[in-house]
Amino acid sequence: MSKVNDIIIKNLIDKLNLGISDDFFISFESLIKLGKRAKSGIIAYIEKKELDSFIKNVLVYILYYIDNQKFDLPLVINLYHTDFIIRAKTIMSIEEEGITHYISFILPLINDPDDSVRWAVIKLLITQDLIKNPLVREHLDNHLKQELNPIIRKNIRGFLENHN
């Protein structure tokens, strides 16, 4: 980690900015591990770029984590873990506990590369009756066009039709 420079940090943040993918999770974890070395690069990136609210929230979360390491949303670290099993189990535990303040961090995981994570997101949205939320419906409608798993696609379609 001693050879980490601003270019590497910018590349990690650029990969976050590409959206949910394996590279996103690796970059998230790397920036967390870099800690204070990543801070100035993250701040500069936020100040220079027009970012969508999700990526901005993630970067602000990383900054806050670097400074505090303990705060109100500890499960975000697990939501973006590189291991899909940990991501899926975290979503399931959030669902079981009925916690709702993670939704802005969970909703983008509808595009997770792993089927089990996407299914956990859908199940949480339904269990917490968030399927009626226009933002949630928009995310699901958009995702439906790209979903490759026929079972998940069929269930999303069914949930959207049954909750009009």
Protein backbone atom coordinates (compact mmCIF):
# COMPACT_ATOMS: atom_id res chain seq x y z
CA MET A 1 0.00 0.00 0.00
CA SER A 2 3.00 2.31 0.20
CA LYS A 3 2.92 2.93 -3.55
CA VAL A 4 -0.64 4.29 -3.49
CA ASN A 5 -0.86 7.71 -5.09
CA ASP A 6 -3.58 10.13 -6.18
CA ILE A 7 -3.90 8.45 -9.59
CA ILE A 8 -4.63 5.06 -8.02
CA ILE A 9 -7.16 6.63 -5.64
CA LYS A 10 -8.84 8.44 -8.55
CA ASN A 11 -8.99 5.16 -10.51
CA LEU A 12 -10.64 3.43 -7.54
CA ILE A 13 -13.22 6.21 -7.27
CA ASP A 14 -13.79 6.12 -11.05
CA LYS A 15 -14.62 2.42 -10.72
CA LEU A 16 -17.16 3.22 -7.99
CA ASN A 17 -18.68 5.78 -10.33
CA LEU A 18 -19.29 3.10 -12.99
CA GLY A 19 -21.99 1.54 -10.82
CA ILE A 20 -22.59 -1.76 -9.09
CA SER A 21 -20.14 -4.42 -10.24
CA ASP A 22 -17.37 -6.56 -8.81
CA ASP A 23 -15.00 -3.63 -9.43
CA PHE A 24 -17.31 -1.39 -7.37
CA PHE A 25 -17.06 -3.70 -4.35
CA ILE A 26 -13.28 -4.10 -4.66
CA SER A 27 -12.83 -0.32 -5.01
CA PHE A 28 -15.11 0.38 -2.04
CA GLU A 29 -13.17 -2.02 0.17
CA SER A 30 -9.82 -0.65 -1.06
CA LEU A 31 -10.78 2.95 -0.30
CA ILE A 32 -11.95 1.95 3.18
CA LYS A 33 -8.65 0.15 3.80
CA LEU A 34 -6.61 3.07 2.50
CA GLY A 35 -8.25 5.23 5.13
CA LYS A 36 -6.76 8.68 5.58
CA ARG A 37 -4.55 8.25 2.50
CA ALA A 38 -7.71 8.27 0.35
CA LYS A 39 -9.39 11.22 2.06
CA SER A 40 -7.99 14.14 0.05
CA GLY A 41 -8.54 12.29 -3.24
CA ILE A 42 -12.17 11.56 -2.35
CA ILE A 43 -12.80 15.17 -1.34
CA ALA A 44 -11.22 16.47 -4.56
CA TYR A 45 -13.30 14.02 -6.62
CA ILE A 46 -16.54 15.11 -4.96
CA GLU A 47 -15.70 18.78 -5.53
CA LYS A 48 -14.75 18.37 -9.21
CA LYS A 49 -17.39 15.94 -10.47
CA GLU A 50 -21.12 15.97 -10.99
CA LEU A 51 -22.03 12.75 -9.22
CA ASP A 52 -25.33 10.97 -8.92
CA SER A 53 -26.68 10.96 -5.37
CA PHE A 54 -25.88 7.28 -4.78
CA ILE A 55 -22.16 7.63 -5.56
CA LYS A 56 -21.96 10.87 -3.61
CA ASN A 57 -23.59 9.14 -0.60
CA VAL A 58 -21.10 6.27 -0.87
CA LEU A 59 -18.12 8.65 -1.01
CA VAL A 60 -19.45 10.70 1.92
CA TYR A 61 -19.96 7.43 3.82
CA ILE A 62 -16.32 6.45 3.16
CA LEU A 63 -15.11 9.87 4.34
CA TYR A 64 -17.19 9.64 7.50
CA TYR A 65 -15.98 6.09 8.10
CA ILE A 66 -12.34 7.17 7.68
CA ASP A 67 -12.83 9.85 10.35
CA ASN A 68 -15.04 7.93 12.77
CA GLN A 69 -15.10 4.18 12.01
CA LYS A 70 -18.22 3.85 14.17
CA PHE A 71 -21.51 5.51 13.43
CA ASP A 72 -25.18 5.10 12.55
CA LEU A 73 -24.90 2.92 9.44
CA PRO A 74 -22.38 0.18 10.27
CA LEU A 75 -23.95 -2.37 7.90
CA VAL A 76 -23.02 -0.42 4.76
CA ILE A 77 -19.55 -1.98 4.98
CA ASN A 78 -21.18 -5.42 4.65
CA LEU A 79 -23.66 -4.31 1.98
CA TYR A 80 -20.71 -3.54 -0.29
CA HIS A 81 -18.46 -6.41 0.81
CA THR A 82 -16.57 -8.20 -1.97
CA ASP A 83 -18.21 -11.51 -0.92
CA PHE A 84 -21.73 -11.80 -2.34
CA ILE A 85 -22.79 -14.13 0.48
CA ILE A 86 -22.03 -11.43 3.04
CA ARG A 87 -23.95 -8.88 0.93
CA ALA A 88 -27.00 -11.14 0.65
CA LYS A 89 -26.95 -12.10 4.36
CA THR A 90 -26.67 -8.46 5.36
CA ILE A 91 -29.72 -7.56 3.28
CA MET A 92 -31.62 -10.49 4.80
CA SER A 93 -30.74 -9.39 8.33
CA ILE A 94 -31.81 -5.81 7.55
CA GLU A 95 -35.08 -7.23 6.25
CA GLU A 96 -35.58 -9.42 9.35
CA GLU A 97 -34.89 -6.49 11.67
CA GLY A 98 -37.25 -4.23 9.70
CA ILE A 99 -34.57 -1.55 9.37
CA THR A 100 -35.52 1.02 6.73
CA HIS A 101 -32.78 3.68 6.85
CA TYR A 102 -30.44 1.66 4.61
CA ILE A 103 -32.73 1.79 1.58
CA SER A 104 -30.68 4.36 -0.35
CA PHE A 105 -27.66 2.05 -0.02
CA ILE A 106 -29.63 -1.13 -0.78
CA LEU A 107 -31.71 -0.08 -3.79
CA PRO A 108 -28.74 0.14 -6.21
CA LEU A 109 -27.88 -3.47 -5.30
CA ILE A 110 -30.79 -4.50 -7.54
CA ASN A 111 -28.02 -4.40 -10.17
CA ASP A 112 -25.67 -6.65 -8.19
CA PRO A 113 -23.83 -9.22 -10.34
CA ASP A 114 -25.09 -12.03 -8.08
CA ASP A 115 -28.63 -13.44 -8.31
CA SER A 116 -28.90 -14.12 -4.57
CA VAL A 117 -28.16 -10.49 -3.72
CA ARG A 118 -30.68 -9.21 -6.28
CA TRP A 119 -33.29 -11.61 -4.92
CA ALA A 120 -32.58 -10.49 -1.33
CA VAL A 121 -33.09 -6.86 -2.41
CA ILE A 122 -36.42 -7.67 -4.08
CA LYS A 123 -37.60 -9.67 -1.08
CA LEU A 124 -36.69 -6.81 1.28
CA LEU A 125 -38.53 -4.27 -0.90
CA ILE A 126 -41.66 -6.39 -0.80
CA THR A 127 -41.45 -7.34 2.88
CA GLN A 128 -41.02 -3.71 3.89
CA ASP A 129 -43.84 -2.71 1.51
CA LEU A 130 -41.52 -0.41 -0.40
CA ILE A 131 -42.73 -1.76 -3.74
CA LYS A 132 -45.33 1.05 -3.77
CA ASN A 133 -42.66 3.75 -3.55
CA PRO A 134 -42.33 5.46 -6.99
CA LEU A 135 -38.51 5.52 -6.76
CA VAL A 136 -38.43 1.80 -5.98
CA ARG A 137 -40.84 1.03 -8.82
CA GLU A 138 -38.70 3.07 -11.21
CA HIS A 139 -35.57 1.14 -10.18
CA LEU A 140 -37.38 -2.18 -10.62
CA ASP A 141 -38.86 -1.14 -13.99
CA ASN A 142 -35.42 -0.12 -15.24
CA HIS A 143 -33.81 -3.27 -13.90
CA LEU A 144 -36.47 -5.51 -15.42
CA LYS A 145 -35.17 -4.64 -18.90
CA GLN A 146 -31.68 -5.92 -18.01
CA GLU A 147 -32.42 -8.86 -15.70
CA LEU A 148 -31.01 -12.06 -17.18
CA ASN A 149 -32.39 -14.50 -14.61
CA PRO A 150 -35.84 -15.55 -15.88
CA ILE A 151 -37.14 -16.40 -12.39
CA ILE A 152 -36.16 -13.03 -10.96
CA ARG A 153 -37.52 -11.26 -14.06
CA LYS A 154 -40.85 -13.09 -13.73
CA ASN A 155 -41.11 -12.25 -10.03
CA ILE A 156 -40.28 -8.57 -10.53
CA ARG A 157 -42.92 -8.35 -13.24
CA GLY A 158 -45.44 -10.07 -10.96
CA PHE A 159 -44.66 -7.81 -8.01
CA LEU A 160 -45.01 -4.69 -10.14
CA GLU A 161 -48.31 -5.85 -11.63
CA ASN A 162 -49.77 -6.89 -8.27
CA HIS A 163 -48.90 -3.62 -6.56
CA ASN A 164 -50.35 -1.06 -8.97
